Amino acid sequence: MPPPGDWKTTVTTAPRGDFPNPRPLIAAYNFGWSDAVAAHAEIRFTKNDGQLQLNGTGETVGPVRALWKFDTKHHADADAATLRPIAMHQVDVERQKTVTTDLTFKRGSVDRLRTDSRSKKTPATKTFRFPGDIFDMFSSLLYFRSQSLRDGDVYRVVVYPATTPYLVTLTVAGRAPLKIAAGDYAAIKFDVQISKIGKKGLLEPHKKFRRATVWVSDDTDRLLLRIEASVFIGTVFAELQSVSFVESKS
């Protein structure tokens, strides 16, 4: 972890790597903890008019849904040439409320507008600034997978997923076979650490997240295969169940 006072000087400034952009695809994932599946998601990745686009839907399932009904829709756009984020739109629906989050990215800043169906206040746009690249979840994955990813490489970027900025440190931990529901893969393993960026620009511990391990296929697609994260309730996971490739519109 970088020194709290010097973290800005440790952020990776390299542009996107030479690895090709992903092929358009449709992928299904399961989420849960231990061996229990708590949610499903479908991800559609496309390219259109010079932009890379992600559309995702997700929902809790089974006994978990009886306790916590949750549905989400997520849309994100990134520049196909630079992999910088353009915009993100997400709608989260629970039994008692609907929360909509919109992010608009500019060079060195991101504007956030968040609405809550229960609130009577007019939402105000909030802006986070950083003298460098700011990524959302989609564009950060695109950026990481574009790099050479040699064993031992370390990448550190600022990510603004929805409401709060984080410093994400990704270390290439090695390569090994991985067997998952979608099949057997040669995989690249990553260690991921996350720190919250506080209001005064200082790093703070993430209260709910400790660390994560991520596996990506070691092939021409570099698919996101599995995530295991140590959080406040234990170990949770996301795992690829199936993937199919589709024709691109452009």
C-alpha atoms as a PDB file:
ATOM      1  CA  MET A   1       0.000   0.000   0.000  1.00  0.00           C
ATOM      2  CA  PRO A   2       1.444   3.445  -0.937  1.00  0.00           C
ATOM      3  CA  PRO A   3       2.286   5.921   1.861  1.00  0.00           C
ATOM      4  CA  PRO A   4      -0.909   7.880   2.746  1.00  0.00           C
ATOM      5  CA  GLY A   5       0.698  11.252   2.078  1.00  0.00           C
ATOM      6  CA  ASP A   6       2.399  10.301  -1.201  1.00  0.00           C
ATOM      7  CA  TRP A   7      -0.186   8.165  -2.931  1.00  0.00           C
ATOM      8  CA  LYS A   8      -0.851  10.603  -5.798  1.00  0.00           C
ATOM      9  CA  THR A   9       2.729  10.227  -7.016  1.00  0.00           C
ATOM     10  CA  THR A  10       2.304   6.435  -7.206  1.00  0.00           C
ATOM     11  CA  VAL A  11      -0.710   6.431  -9.548  1.00  0.00           C
ATOM     12  CA  THR A  12      -0.010   4.725 -12.874  1.00  0.00           C
ATOM     13  CA  THR A  13       0.194   7.314 -15.650  1.00  0.00           C
ATOM     14  CA  ALA A  14       0.837   5.006 -18.617  1.00  0.00           C
ATOM     15  CA  PRO A  15      -1.727   5.219 -21.435  1.00  0.00           C
ATOM     16  CA  ARG A  16      -3.805   2.241 -22.510  1.00  0.00           C
ATOM     17  CA  GLY A  17      -1.759  -0.818 -23.421  1.00  0.00           C
ATOM     18  CA  ASP A  18      -1.405  -2.560 -26.781  1.00  0.00           C
ATOM     19  CA  PHE A  19      -3.656  -5.533 -25.998  1.00  0.00           C
ATOM     20  CA  PRO A  20      -6.709  -5.438 -28.328  1.00  0.00           C
ATOM     21  CA  ASN A  21     -10.145  -4.405 -27.090  1.00  0.00           C
ATOM     22  CA  PRO A  22     -12.566  -7.208 -26.191  1.00  0.00           C
ATOM     23  CA  ARG A  23     -14.835  -8.870 -28.714  1.00  0.00           C
ATOM     24  CA  PRO A  24     -18.575  -8.145 -28.348  1.00  0.00           C
ATOM     25  CA  LEU A  25     -20.084 -10.724 -26.041  1.00  0.00           C
ATOM     26  CA  ILE A  26     -22.889 -11.767 -23.722  1.00  0.00           C
ATOM     27  CA  ALA A  27     -21.833 -13.232 -20.370  1.00  0.00           C
ATOM     28  CA  ALA A  28     -23.689 -14.577 -17.348  1.00  0.00           C
ATOM     29  CA  TYR A  29     -22.339 -14.437 -13.780  1.00  0.00           C
ATOM     30  CA  ASN A  30     -23.374 -15.808 -10.402  1.00  0.00           C
ATOM     31  CA  PHE A  31     -22.706 -13.939  -7.157  1.00  0.00           C
ATOM     32  CA  GLY A  32     -22.759 -15.227  -3.592  1.00  0.00           C
ATOM     33  CA  TRP A  33     -20.760 -16.363  -0.589  1.00  0.00           C
ATOM     34  CA  SER A  34     -19.300 -19.776   0.323  1.00  0.00           C
ATOM     35  CA  ASP A  35     -21.250 -22.130  -1.994  1.00  0.00           C
ATOM     36  CA  ALA A  36     -24.518 -20.200  -1.830  1.00  0.00           C
ATOM     37  CA  VAL A  37     -25.666 -18.278  -4.922  1.00  0.00           C
ATOM     38  CA  ALA A  38     -27.300 -14.988  -3.977  1.00  0.00           C
ATOM     39  CA  ALA A  39     -27.618 -13.169  -7.316  1.00  0.00           C
ATOM     40  CA  HIS A  40     -27.421 -13.493 -11.099  1.00  0.00           C
ATOM     41  CA  ALA A  41     -26.233 -10.956 -13.661  1.00  0.00           C
ATOM     42  CA  GLU A  42     -26.061 -10.732 -17.435  1.00  0.00           C
ATOM     43  CA  ILE A  43     -23.468  -8.547 -19.131  1.00  0.00           C
ATOM     44  CA  ARG A  44     -23.618  -7.394 -22.750  1.00  0.00           C
ATOM     45  CA  PHE A  45     -20.505  -5.815 -24.220  1.00  0.00           C
ATOM     46  CA  THR A  46     -20.670  -4.035 -27.588  1.00  0.00           C
ATOM     47  CA  LYS A  47     -18.806  -1.520 -29.724  1.00  0.00           C
ATOM     48  CA  ASN A  48     -20.697   1.273 -31.475  1.00  0.00           C
ATOM     49  CA  ASP A  49     -19.552   4.513 -33.149  1.00  0.00           C
ATOM     50  CA  GLY A  50     -16.101   4.496 -31.569  1.00  0.00           C
ATOM     51  CA  GLN A  51     -17.404   3.700 -28.104  1.00  0.00           C
ATOM     52  CA  LEU A  52     -17.220   0.556 -26.020  1.00  0.00           C
ATOM     53  CA  GLN A  53     -20.507  -0.041 -24.228  1.00  0.00           C
ATOM     54  CA  LEU A  54     -21.493  -2.220 -21.310  1.00  0.00           C
ATOM     55  CA  ASN A  55     -25.091  -3.054 -20.459  1.00  0.00           C
ATOM     56  CA  GLY A  56     -25.767  -5.182 -17.420  1.00  0.00           C
ATOM     57  CA  THR A  57     -28.746  -6.393 -15.437  1.00  0.00           C
ATOM     58  CA  GLY A  58     -28.714  -8.148 -12.088  1.00  0.00           C
ATOM     59  CA  GLU A  59     -31.045  -9.440  -9.400  1.00  0.00           C
ATOM     60  CA  THR A  60     -30.993 -11.278  -6.118  1.00  0.00           C
ATOM     61  CA  VAL A  61     -32.359 -14.825  -6.250  1.00  0.00           C
ATOM     62  CA  GLY A  62     -33.587 -17.655  -4.041  1.00  0.00           C
ATOM     63  CA  PRO A  63     -33.792 -17.250  -0.262  1.00  0.00           C
ATOM     64  CA  VAL A  64     -31.723 -14.067  -0.438  1.00  0.00           C
ATOM     65  CA  ARG A  65     -34.387 -12.359  -2.574  1.00  0.00           C
ATOM     66  CA  ALA A  66     -37.012 -13.124   0.074  1.00  0.00           C
ATOM     67  CA  LEU A  67     -34.888 -11.145   2.536  1.00  0.00           C
ATOM     68  CA  TRP A  68     -33.508  -8.498   0.169  1.00  0.00           C
ATOM     69  CA  LYS A  69     -35.274  -7.832  -3.124  1.00  0.00           C
ATOM     70  CA  PHE A  70     -32.780  -6.013  -5.321  1.00  0.00           C
ATOM     71  CA  ASP A  71     -32.671  -5.380  -9.079  1.00  0.00           C
ATOM     72  CA  THR A  72     -30.110  -3.315 -10.920  1.00  0.00           C
ATOM     73  CA  LYS A  73     -29.485  -1.997 -14.437  1.00  0.00           C
ATOM     74  CA  HIS A  74     -26.103  -0.618 -15.433  1.00  0.00           C
ATOM     75  CA  HIS A  75     -24.930   1.170 -18.586  1.00  0.00           C
ATOM     76  CA  ALA A  76     -21.416   2.488 -19.185  1.00  0.00           C
ATOM     77  CA  ASP A  77     -19.632   4.082 -22.157  1.00  0.00           C
ATOM     78  CA  ALA A  78     -15.871   4.292 -22.740  1.00  0.00           C
ATOM     79  CA  ASP A  79     -13.773   5.683 -25.577  1.00  0.00           C
ATOM     80  CA  ALA A  80     -12.632   2.761 -27.737  1.00  0.00           C
ATOM     81  CA  ALA A  81      -9.270   4.375 -28.535  1.00  0.00           C
ATOM     82  CA  THR A  82      -8.180   5.691 -25.123  1.00  0.00           C
ATOM     83  CA  LEU A  83     -10.371   3.501 -22.830  1.00  0.00           C
ATOM     84  CA  ARG A  84     -11.245   6.590 -20.803  1.00  0.00           C
ATOM     85  CA  PRO A  85     -14.753   6.614 -19.347  1.00  0.00           C
ATOM     86  CA  ILE A  86     -17.457   8.807 -20.854  1.00  0.00           C
ATOM     87  CA  ALA A  87     -20.593   8.208 -18.780  1.00  0.00           C
ATOM     88  CA  MET A  88     -22.282   5.730 -16.450  1.00  0.00           C
ATOM     89  CA  HIS A  89     -25.979   5.276 -15.651  1.00  0.00           C
ATOM     90  CA  GLN A  90     -27.216   2.883 -12.972  1.00  0.00           C
ATOM     91  CA  VAL A  91     -30.666   2.207 -11.515  1.00  0.00           C
ATOM     92  CA  ASP A  92     -30.955   0.187  -8.283  1.00  0.00           C
ATOM     93  CA  VAL A  93     -34.435  -0.941  -7.253  1.00  0.00           C
ATOM     94  CA  GLU A  94     -35.250  -2.202  -3.754  1.00  0.00           C
ATOM     95  CA  ARG A  95     -38.633  -2.762  -2.108  1.00  0.00           C
ATOM     96  CA  GLN A  96     -38.795   0.669  -0.544  1.00  0.00           C
ATOM     97  CA  LYS A  97     -36.784   2.843  -2.896  1.00  0.00           C
ATOM     98  CA  THR A  98     -35.196   3.343  -6.306  1.00  0.00           C
ATOM     99  CA  VAL A  99     -31.781   4.990  -6.526  1.00  0.00           C
ATOM    100  CA  THR A 100     -30.471   6.350  -9.827  1.00  0.00           C
ATOM    101  CA  THR A 101     -26.818   7.298 -10.276  1.00  0.00           C
ATOM    102  CA  ASP A 102     -25.405   9.209 -13.255  1.00  0.00           C
ATOM    103  CA  LEU A 103     -21.703   9.880 -13.748  1.00  0.00           C
ATOM    104  CA  THR A 104     -20.242  12.161 -16.416  1.00  0.00           C
ATOM    105  CA  PHE A 105     -16.472  11.981 -16.872  1.00  0.00           C
ATOM    106  CA  LYS A 106     -14.161  14.735 -18.042  1.00  0.00           C
ATOM    107  CA  ARG A 107     -10.377  14.892 -18.050  1.00  0.00           C
ATOM    108  CA  GLY A 108      -9.465  15.336 -14.388  1.00  0.00           C
ATOM    109  CA  SER A 109     -12.993  15.291 -12.948  1.00  0.00           C
ATOM    110  CA  VAL A 110     -16.259  13.384 -12.665  1.00  0.00           C
ATOM    111  CA  ASP A 111     -19.735  14.829 -12.064  1.00  0.00           C
ATOM    112  CA  ARG A 112     -22.205  12.749 -10.079  1.00  0.00           C
ATOM    113  CA  LEU A 113     -25.988  13.129  -9.903  1.00  0.00           C
ATOM    114  CA  ARG A 114     -27.790  10.731  -7.568  1.00  0.00           C
ATOM    115  CA  THR A 115     -31.542  10.582  -6.984  1.00  0.00           C
ATOM    116  CA  ASP A 116     -33.462   8.651  -4.335  1.00  0.00           C
ATOM    117  CA  SER A 117     -37.185   8.024  -4.859  1.00  0.00           C
ATOM    118  CA  ARG A 118     -37.828   8.531  -1.145  1.00  0.00           C
ATOM    119  CA  SER A 119     -36.180  11.934  -0.972  1.00  0.00           C
ATOM    120  CA  LYS A 120     -38.144  15.161  -1.474  1.00  0.00           C
ATOM    121  CA  LYS A 121     -34.976  17.216  -2.000  1.00  0.00           C
ATOM    122  CA  THR A 122     -33.874  18.296  -5.451  1.00  0.00           C
ATOM    123  CA  PRO A 123     -30.639  16.380  -6.133  1.00  0.00           C
ATOM    124  CA  ALA A 124     -27.485  18.401  -6.636  1.00  0.00           C
ATOM    125  CA  THR A 125     -24.544  17.537  -8.860  1.00  0.00           C
ATOM    126  CA  LYS A 126     -21.342  16.765  -6.972  1.00  0.00           C
ATOM    127  CA  THR A 127     -17.891  16.905  -8.568  1.00  0.00           C
ATOM    128  CA  PHE A 128     -14.743  14.971  -7.704  1.00  0.00           C
ATOM    129  CA  ARG A 129     -11.454  16.235  -9.134  1.00  0.00           C
ATOM    130  CA  PHE A 130      -8.112  14.541  -9.509  1.00  0.00           C
ATOM    131  CA  PRO A 131      -5.147  15.755 -11.632  1.00  0.00           C
ATOM    132  CA  GLY A 132      -5.039  12.603 -13.728  1.00  0.00           C
ATOM    133  CA  ASP A 133      -7.224   9.861 -15.147  1.00  0.00           C
ATOM    134  CA  ILE A 134     -10.361   8.832 -13.237  1.00  0.00           C
ATOM    135  CA  PHE A 135     -11.996   5.527 -14.173  1.00  0.00           C
ATOM    136  CA  ASP A 136     -15.320   3.885 -13.495  1.00  0.00           C
ATOM    137  CA  MET A 137     -15.551   0.111 -12.964  1.00  0.00           C
ATOM    138  CA  PHE A 138     -15.988  -0.671 -16.674  1.00  0.00           C
ATOM    139  CA  SER A 139     -13.163   1.511 -17.982  1.00  0.00           C
ATOM    140  CA  SER A 140     -10.774   0.385 -15.207  1.00  0.00           C
ATOM    141  CA  LEU A 141     -11.272  -3.243 -16.280  1.00  0.00           C
ATOM    142  CA  LEU A 142     -10.678  -2.258 -19.905  1.00  0.00           C
ATOM    143  CA  TYR A 143      -7.530  -0.364 -18.923  1.00  0.00           C
ATOM    144  CA  PHE A 144      -6.097  -3.189 -16.813  1.00  0.00           C
ATOM    145  CA  ARG A 145      -6.737  -5.880 -19.442  1.00  0.00           C
ATOM    146  CA  SER A 146      -5.084  -3.723 -22.144  1.00  0.00           C
ATOM    147  CA  GLN A 147      -1.725  -3.782 -20.353  1.00  0.00           C
ATOM    148  CA  SER A 148       1.092  -6.320 -20.809  1.00  0.00           C
ATOM    149  CA  LEU A 149       0.295  -7.960 -17.431  1.00  0.00           C
ATOM    150  CA  ARG A 150       3.698  -9.463 -16.703  1.00  0.00           C
ATOM    151  CA  ASP A 151       4.050 -11.373 -13.426  1.00  0.00           C
ATOM    152  CA  GLY A 152       4.818  -8.903 -10.650  1.00  0.00           C
ATOM    153  CA  ASP A 153       3.528  -5.840 -12.510  1.00  0.00           C
ATOM    154  CA  VAL A 154       1.692  -3.306 -10.321  1.00  0.00           C
ATOM    155  CA  TYR A 155      -0.957  -0.884 -11.569  1.00  0.00           C
ATOM    156  CA  ARG A 156      -2.531   1.794  -9.388  1.00  0.00           C
ATOM    157  CA  VAL A 157      -5.486   3.911 -10.570  1.00  0.00           C
ATOM    158  CA  VAL A 158      -8.250   6.149  -9.219  1.00  0.00           C
ATOM    159  CA  VAL A 159     -11.708   4.581  -9.632  1.00  0.00           C
ATOM    160  CA  TYR A 160     -15.059   6.299  -9.045  1.00  0.00           C
ATOM    161  CA  PRO A 161     -17.634   3.472  -9.247  1.00  0.00           C
ATOM    162  CA  ALA A 162     -20.756   5.283  -8.014  1.00  0.00           C
ATOM    163  CA  THR A 163     -20.535   7.676  -5.062  1.00  0.00           C
ATOM    164  CA  THR A 164     -16.992   7.608  -3.665  1.00  0.00           C
ATOM    165  CA  PRO A 165     -13.475   7.681  -5.154  1.00  0.00           C
ATOM    166  CA  TYR A 166     -11.050   4.847  -4.408  1.00  0.00           C
ATOM    167  CA  LEU A 167      -7.405   4.105  -5.026  1.00  0.00           C
ATOM    168  CA  VAL A 168      -7.216   0.622  -6.535  1.00  0.00           C
ATOM    169  CA  THR A 169      -3.913  -1.254  -6.580  1.00  0.00           C
ATOM    170  CA  LEU A 170      -3.722  -4.315  -8.826  1.00  0.00           C
ATOM    171  CA  THR A 171      -0.722  -6.669  -8.705  1.00  0.00           C
ATOM    172  CA  VAL A 172      -0.186  -9.484 -11.221  1.00  0.00           C
ATOM    173  CA  ALA A 173       0.301 -12.447  -8.874  1.00  0.00           C
ATOM    174  CA  GLY A 174       1.011 -15.180 -11.423  1.00  0.00           C
ATOM    175  CA  ARG A 175      -0.538 -17.672 -13.799  1.00  0.00           C
ATOM    176  CA  ALA A 176      -2.278 -21.010 -13.174  1.00  0.00           C
ATOM    177  CA  PRO A 177      -5.131 -23.157 -14.548  1.00  0.00           C
ATOM    178  CA  LEU A 178      -8.622 -22.362 -13.250  1.00  0.00           C
ATOM    179  CA  LYS A 179     -11.735 -24.539 -13.403  1.00  0.00           C
ATOM    180  CA  ILE A 180     -15.062 -22.707 -13.152  1.00  0.00           C
ATOM    181  CA  ALA A 181     -18.654 -23.275 -14.214  1.00  0.00           C
ATOM    182  CA  ALA A 182     -17.961 -21.840 -17.688  1.00  0.00           C
ATOM    183  CA  GLY A 183     -15.069 -24.257 -18.327  1.00  0.00           C
ATOM    184  CA  ASP A 184     -11.337 -24.798 -17.839  1.00  0.00           C
ATOM    185  CA  TYR A 185      -9.086 -21.818 -18.473  1.00  0.00           C
ATOM    186  CA  ALA A 186      -5.474 -20.793 -18.349  1.00  0.00           C
ATOM    187  CA  ALA A 187      -5.738 -17.789 -16.022  1.00  0.00           C
ATOM    188  CA  ILE A 188      -3.896 -14.708 -14.839  1.00  0.00           C
ATOM    189  CA  LYS A 189      -4.248 -14.148 -11.096  1.00  0.00           C
ATOM    190  CA  PHE A 190      -4.347 -10.675  -9.541  1.00  0.00           C
ATOM    191  CA  ASP A 191      -4.197  -9.341  -6.006  1.00  0.00           C
ATOM    192  CA  VAL A 192      -6.436  -6.279  -5.541  1.00  0.00           C
ATOM    193  CA  GLN A 193      -6.283  -3.743  -2.722  1.00  0.00           C
ATOM    194  CA  ILE A 194      -8.626  -0.773  -2.288  1.00  0.00           C
ATOM    195  CA  SER A 195      -8.384   2.384  -0.194  1.00  0.00           C
ATOM    196  CA  LYS A 196     -10.996   5.107   0.067  1.00  0.00           C
ATOM    197  CA  ILE A 197      -9.945   8.615  -0.960  1.00  0.00           C
ATOM    198  CA  GLY A 198     -11.270  10.898   1.774  1.00  0.00           C
ATOM    199  CA  LYS A 199     -12.651  14.415   1.434  1.00  0.00           C
ATOM    200  CA  LYS A 200      -9.237  15.927   2.189  1.00  0.00           C
ATOM    201  CA  GLY A 201      -7.524  13.713  -0.376  1.00  0.00           C
ATOM    202  CA  LEU A 202      -6.050  11.359   2.206  1.00  0.00           C
ATOM    203  CA  LEU A 203      -6.339   7.596   2.007  1.00  0.00           C
ATOM    204  CA  GLU A 204      -8.676   5.872   4.429  1.00  0.00           C
ATOM    205  CA  PRO A 205      -9.305   2.153   5.032  1.00  0.00           C
ATOM    206  CA  HIS A 206     -12.323   0.695   3.258  1.00  0.00           C
ATOM    207  CA  LYS A 207     -14.724  -0.194   6.077  1.00  0.00           C
ATOM    208  CA  LYS A 208     -16.336  -3.150   4.297  1.00  0.00           C
ATOM    209  CA  PHE A 209     -13.661  -4.390   1.884  1.00  0.00           C
ATOM    210  CA  ARG A 210     -10.358  -5.980   2.888  1.00  0.00           C
ATOM    211  CA  ARG A 211      -8.789  -7.427  -0.260  1.00  0.00           C
ATOM    212  CA  ALA A 212      -9.699  -9.443  -3.344  1.00  0.00           C
ATOM    213  CA  THR A 213      -8.304 -11.995  -5.756  1.00  0.00           C
ATOM    214  CA  VAL A 214      -9.286 -11.782  -9.418  1.00  0.00           C
ATOM    215  CA  TRP A 215      -8.750 -14.251 -12.251  1.00  0.00           C
ATOM    216  CA  VAL A 216      -8.772 -13.293 -15.950  1.00  0.00           C
ATOM    217  CA  SER A 217      -8.376 -15.744 -18.835  1.00  0.00           C
ATOM    218  CA  ASP A 218      -4.816 -15.862 -20.188  1.00  0.00           C
ATOM    219  CA  ASP A 219      -5.795 -15.825 -23.854  1.00  0.00           C
ATOM    220  CA  THR A 220      -6.806 -13.431 -26.620  1.00  0.00           C
ATOM    221  CA  ASP A 221     -10.065 -12.515 -24.825  1.00  0.00           C
ATOM    222  CA  ARG A 222      -8.901 -11.897 -21.256  1.00  0.00           C
ATOM    223  CA  LEU A 223     -12.325 -12.656 -19.864  1.00  0.00           C
ATOM    224  CA  LEU A 224     -13.171 -11.817 -16.265  1.00  0.00           C
ATOM    225  CA  LEU A 225     -13.491 -15.338 -14.817  1.00  0.00           C
ATOM    226  CA  ARG A 226     -13.817 -15.107 -11.046  1.00  0.00           C
ATOM    227  CA  ILE A 227     -13.563 -12.659  -8.155  1.00  0.00           C
ATOM    228  CA  GLU A 228     -13.129 -13.619  -4.504  1.00  0.00           C
ATOM    229  CA  ALA A 229     -13.314 -10.732  -2.031  1.00  0.00           C
ATOM    230  CA  SER A 230     -12.801 -10.651   1.700  1.00  0.00           C
ATOM    231  CA  VAL A 231     -15.450  -8.314   3.115  1.00  0.00           C
ATOM    232  CA  PHE A 232     -17.142  -7.615   6.442  1.00  0.00           C
ATOM    233  CA  ILE A 233     -19.522 -10.587   6.115  1.00  0.00           C
ATOM    234  CA  GLY A 234     -16.838 -13.066   5.026  1.00  0.00           C
ATOM    235  CA  THR A 235     -15.737 -14.162   1.560  1.00  0.00           C
ATOM    236  CA  VAL A 236     -17.978 -13.344  -1.400  1.00  0.00           C
ATOM    237  CA  PHE A 237     -17.544 -14.342  -5.036  1.00  0.00           C
ATOM    238  CA  ALA A 238     -18.549 -13.628  -8.611  1.00  0.00           C
ATOM    239  CA  GLU A 239     -18.033 -16.349 -11.252  1.00  0.00           C
ATOM    240  CA  LEU A 240     -18.542 -16.599 -14.989  1.00  0.00           C
ATOM    241  CA  GLN A 241     -21.259 -19.126 -15.864  1.00  0.00           C
ATOM    242  CA  SER A 242     -21.367 -18.812 -19.649  1.00  0.00           C
ATOM    243  CA  VAL A 243     -20.158 -16.585 -22.473  1.00  0.00           C
ATOM    244  CA  SER A 244     -21.057 -16.218 -26.143  1.00  0.00           C
ATOM    245  CA  PHE A 245     -19.521 -13.915 -28.726  1.00  0.00           C
ATOM    246  CA  VAL A 246     -21.662 -11.823 -31.058  1.00  0.00           C
ATOM    247  CA  GLU A 247     -21.130  -9.741 -34.188  1.00  0.00           C
ATOM    248  CA  SER A 248     -20.155  -6.119 -33.731  1.00  0.00           C
ATOM    249  CA  LYS A 249     -22.168  -3.258 -35.230  1.00  0.00           C
ATOM    250  CA  SER A 250     -19.024  -1.328 -36.069  1.00  0.00           C
END
